[in-house]
Amino acid sequence: MDGLLIDSEPLWEAAGKETLARFNISLSPAQYHSSTGLRSREWIEHWFAHFGISGDHAAQAEADILTFALRNITQSAQPMPGALYIIEFFRNRNFKIGIASSSPMALIDSIADKLGIRDSIAAKASAEHLANGKPHPQVYLDCARLLDSNPSQCLCFEDSFNGMIAAIAARMKCVVVPARNHQQEPRWGAADLRLSSLLNFNDLLLQTL
């Protein structure tokens, strides 16, 4: 969802960096990108451990990120190019559609309403309360179960490396749509297909998968 259907990654990044700045931590673009797709809790724990910050502050830092992100994403984030196109594409072909996200269910519901796609979504799975988030496959396996579908019969669209690994681990086909400045990185070669935009997906590509 984040970074694929809704342009929320800049707002998540702003929330995370603002929170880390209180602990005199500054991330480079490469550092931030390496941790996209993680849940806020794991993101904070990862960078606190990296920079030697006490875990006593982690719970409050996570709460601050979620409060900032929920408010600003709901209010101002815009759909990604092709977001509504790809939902309509699969709905017109009678595919069951689900959202499997690291974000809290409250944000998933909010974005589904914001994009006007709630009626098209047959299942929603959040990694918010799971023992492990992406790159662990559990959130994708949960979504497949809610769709009453075999994971090996599912096709996943992802924008993050951690999400791609989770989808592959769930034995799903995976199409990646990386951020523009990261599209040429060789690591995306693990996916079944790499696109520069959801708008480029079509019936011919579907048949190849």
Protein backbone atom coordinates (compact mmCIF):
# COMPACT_ATOMS: atom_id res chain seq x y z
CA MET A 1 0.00 0.00 0.00
CA ASP A 2 2.52 2.61 1.16
CA GLY A 3 4.59 3.74 -1.80
CA LEU A 4 2.61 1.56 -4.21
CA LEU A 5 -1.02 2.71 -4.01
CA ILE A 6 -0.49 5.91 -2.02
CA ASP A 7 2.44 8.33 -2.07
CA SER A 8 2.96 8.07 1.67
CA GLU A 9 6.65 7.18 1.84
CA PRO A 10 7.81 10.84 2.00
CA LEU A 11 5.48 11.35 4.96
CA TRP A 12 6.65 8.18 6.72
CA GLU A 13 10.22 9.35 6.09
CA ALA A 14 9.49 12.80 7.52
CA ALA A 15 7.86 11.25 10.59
CA GLY A 16 10.76 8.87 11.16
CA LYS A 17 13.49 11.42 10.62
CA GLU A 18 11.78 14.01 12.82
CA THR A 19 11.56 11.43 15.61
CA LEU A 20 15.18 10.30 15.24
CA ALA A 21 16.36 13.91 15.21
CA ARG A 22 15.31 14.17 18.86
CA PHE A 23 18.03 11.64 19.58
CA ASN A 24 20.58 13.43 17.37
CA ILE A 25 20.30 10.75 14.68
CA SER A 26 20.41 11.68 11.01
CA LEU A 27 19.93 9.07 8.27
CA SER A 28 21.39 9.24 4.79
CA PRO A 29 19.00 8.55 1.89
CA ALA A 30 20.63 5.14 1.42
CA GLN A 31 20.19 4.27 5.10
CA TYR A 32 16.54 5.25 5.06
CA HIS A 33 15.82 3.33 1.85
CA SER A 34 17.44 0.19 3.26
CA SER A 35 14.79 0.05 5.98
CA THR A 36 11.60 0.81 4.03
CA GLY A 37 8.90 -1.81 4.38
CA LEU A 38 9.61 -2.41 8.08
CA ARG A 39 6.97 -1.75 10.71
CA SER A 40 7.51 1.40 12.76
CA ARG A 41 8.44 -0.68 15.80
CA GLU A 42 11.10 -2.63 13.94
CA TRP A 43 12.30 0.50 12.16
CA ILE A 44 12.88 2.28 15.47
CA GLU A 45 14.48 -0.78 17.07
CA HIS A 46 16.78 -1.20 14.06
CA TRP A 47 18.08 2.37 14.09
CA PHE A 48 18.21 2.67 17.87
CA ALA A 49 20.39 -0.45 17.98
CA HIS A 50 22.53 0.83 15.10
CA PHE A 51 23.19 4.16 16.83
CA GLY A 52 23.34 2.81 20.39
CA ILE A 53 20.16 4.49 21.70
CA SER A 54 18.48 2.96 24.75
CA GLY A 55 15.43 0.85 23.94
CA ASP A 56 13.62 2.52 26.84
CA HIS A 57 12.62 5.28 24.43
CA ALA A 58 11.43 2.96 21.63
CA ALA A 59 7.74 2.69 22.54
CA GLN A 60 7.24 6.45 22.71
CA ALA A 61 9.21 6.99 19.50
CA GLU A 62 7.02 4.45 17.70
CA ALA A 63 3.86 6.14 18.98
CA ASP A 64 5.13 9.54 17.80
CA ILE A 65 5.85 8.21 14.30
CA LEU A 66 2.42 6.58 14.00
CA THR A 67 0.58 9.69 15.22
CA PHE A 68 2.44 11.91 12.75
CA ALA A 69 2.05 9.50 9.84
CA LEU A 70 -1.63 8.66 10.35
CA ARG A 71 -2.60 12.32 10.48
CA ASN A 72 -0.53 13.55 7.56
CA ILE A 73 -0.96 10.60 5.22
CA THR A 74 -4.73 10.65 5.64
CA GLN A 75 -4.88 14.39 5.06
CA SER A 76 -2.40 15.00 2.26
CA ALA A 77 -0.97 11.87 0.59
CA GLN A 78 -1.93 11.43 -3.06
CA PRO A 79 -2.55 8.24 -5.09
CA MET A 80 0.47 6.80 -6.87
CA PRO A 81 0.35 6.75 -10.68
CA GLY A 82 -1.71 3.77 -11.77
CA ALA A 83 -3.11 2.98 -8.32
CA LEU A 84 -6.74 3.15 -9.38
CA TYR A 85 -5.89 1.65 -12.79
CA ILE A 86 -4.39 -1.52 -11.29
CA ILE A 87 -7.34 -2.05 -8.93
CA GLU A 88 -9.78 -1.66 -11.81
CA PHE A 89 -7.64 -3.88 -14.05
CA PHE A 90 -7.91 -6.85 -11.71
CA ARG A 91 -11.49 -6.18 -10.65
CA ASN A 92 -12.56 -6.24 -14.30
CA ARG A 93 -10.89 -9.64 -14.66
CA ASN A 94 -12.65 -11.05 -11.58
CA PHE A 95 -9.51 -11.36 -9.45
CA LYS A 96 -9.84 -11.29 -5.68
CA ILE A 97 -7.92 -8.27 -4.41
CA GLY A 98 -6.29 -7.91 -1.00
CA ILE A 99 -4.01 -5.45 0.77
CA ALA A 100 -1.14 -6.82 2.87
CA SER A 101 0.64 -3.97 4.62
CA SER A 102 3.07 -3.24 7.42
CA SER A 103 0.90 -0.24 8.30
CA PRO A 104 -1.73 -0.32 11.06
CA MET A 105 -5.23 -1.45 10.07
CA ALA A 106 -6.53 2.04 10.89
CA LEU A 107 -4.36 3.48 8.12
CA ILE A 108 -5.27 0.70 5.67
CA ASP A 109 -8.95 1.47 6.20
CA SER A 110 -8.33 5.20 5.90
CA ILE A 111 -6.43 4.86 2.62
CA ALA A 112 -9.00 2.46 1.16
CA ASP A 113 -11.65 5.11 1.84
CA LYS A 114 -9.45 7.95 0.60
CA LEU A 115 -8.86 6.15 -2.72
CA GLY A 116 -12.47 4.99 -2.98
CA ILE A 117 -11.46 1.33 -3.30
CA ARG A 118 -12.98 -0.18 -0.16
CA ASP A 119 -15.63 -2.09 -2.16
CA SER A 120 -12.91 -3.56 -4.40
CA ILE A 121 -10.83 -4.96 -1.54
CA ALA A 122 -11.87 -8.44 -0.48
CA ALA A 123 -9.29 -8.79 2.31
CA LYS A 124 -7.03 -6.57 4.38
CA ALA A 125 -4.10 -7.88 6.42
CA SER A 126 -1.88 -5.78 8.68
CA ALA A 127 1.45 -6.79 10.17
CA GLU A 128 0.84 -4.34 13.02
CA HIS A 129 0.34 -7.00 15.72
CA LEU A 130 2.17 -9.95 14.17
CA ALA A 131 5.21 -11.45 15.86
CA ASN A 132 7.21 -10.67 12.70
CA GLY A 133 6.68 -8.10 9.96
CA LYS A 134 8.13 -7.93 6.46
CA PRO A 135 10.48 -9.39 5.24
CA HIS A 136 8.76 -12.26 7.10
CA PRO A 137 5.95 -13.61 4.85
CA GLN A 138 3.25 -13.88 7.53
CA VAL A 139 1.24 -10.81 6.50
CA TYR A 140 1.04 -12.14 2.92
CA LEU A 141 0.09 -15.62 4.10
CA ASP A 142 -2.62 -14.07 6.28
CA CYS A 143 -3.97 -12.10 3.33
CA ALA A 144 -4.05 -15.21 1.13
CA ARG A 145 -5.94 -17.08 3.86
CA LEU A 146 -8.49 -14.27 4.14
CA LEU A 147 -8.92 -14.41 0.36
CA ASP A 148 -9.31 -18.20 0.57
CA SER A 149 -6.48 -18.48 -1.96
CA ASN A 150 -3.40 -20.65 -2.24
CA PRO A 151 -0.32 -18.38 -1.86
CA SER A 152 1.25 -19.97 -4.94
CA GLN A 153 -1.77 -18.76 -6.93
CA CYS A 154 -1.31 -15.15 -5.79
CA LEU A 155 0.33 -12.23 -7.57
CA CYS A 156 1.80 -9.52 -5.37
CA PHE A 157 2.75 -5.93 -6.23
CA GLU A 158 5.48 -4.37 -4.09
CA ASP A 159 7.63 -1.25 -3.99
CA SER A 160 10.06 -2.13 -1.17
CA PHE A 161 12.87 -4.67 -0.98
CA ASN A 162 11.65 -6.05 2.36
CA GLY A 163 8.17 -6.45 0.88
CA MET A 164 9.52 -8.22 -2.19
CA ILE A 165 11.40 -10.70 0.01
CA ALA A 166 8.24 -11.30 2.05
CA ALA A 167 6.18 -12.00 -1.06
CA ILE A 168 8.78 -14.37 -2.48
CA ALA A 169 9.03 -16.17 0.85
CA ALA A 170 5.25 -16.60 0.75
CA ARG A 171 5.71 -18.36 -2.65
CA MET A 172 3.80 -15.66 -4.48
CA LYS A 173 4.62 -14.17 -7.85
CA CYS A 174 5.98 -10.67 -7.28
CA VAL A 175 5.93 -7.53 -9.44
CA VAL A 176 8.08 -4.72 -8.09
CA VAL A 177 7.56 -1.02 -8.81
CA PRO A 178 10.56 0.59 -7.10
CA ALA A 179 10.90 4.29 -6.37
CA ARG A 180 12.18 6.14 -9.43
CA ASN A 181 15.70 6.76 -8.11
CA HIS A 182 16.15 3.11 -7.16
CA GLN A 183 14.67 1.36 -10.20
CA GLN A 184 17.97 0.22 -11.71
CA GLU A 185 19.34 -1.50 -8.63
CA PRO A 186 20.26 -5.14 -9.41
CA ARG A 187 18.60 -6.51 -6.26
CA TRP A 188 15.16 -6.16 -7.89
CA GLY A 189 16.19 -9.02 -10.16
CA ALA A 190 14.78 -11.42 -7.56
CA ALA A 191 11.25 -10.34 -8.54
CA ASP A 192 9.29 -11.97 -11.35
CA LEU A 193 8.81 -8.60 -13.04
CA ARG A 194 10.05 -5.04 -12.53
CA LEU A 195 8.02 -2.04 -13.71
CA SER A 196 8.58 1.72 -13.61
CA SER A 197 4.85 2.32 -13.09
CA LEU A 198 1.67 0.39 -12.35
CA LEU A 199 0.32 1.98 -15.53
CA ASN A 200 2.66 -0.26 -17.55
CA PHE A 201 1.00 -3.48 -16.42
CA ASN A 202 -1.22 -5.14 -19.04
CA ASP A 203 -2.74 -8.44 -20.17
CA LEU A 204 0.39 -9.55 -21.99
CA LEU A 205 2.50 -9.18 -18.85
CA LEU A 206 -0.16 -10.95 -16.82
CA GLN A 207 -0.01 -13.91 -19.20
CA THR A 208 3.77 -14.14 -18.81
CA LEU A 209 3.31 -14.52 -15.05
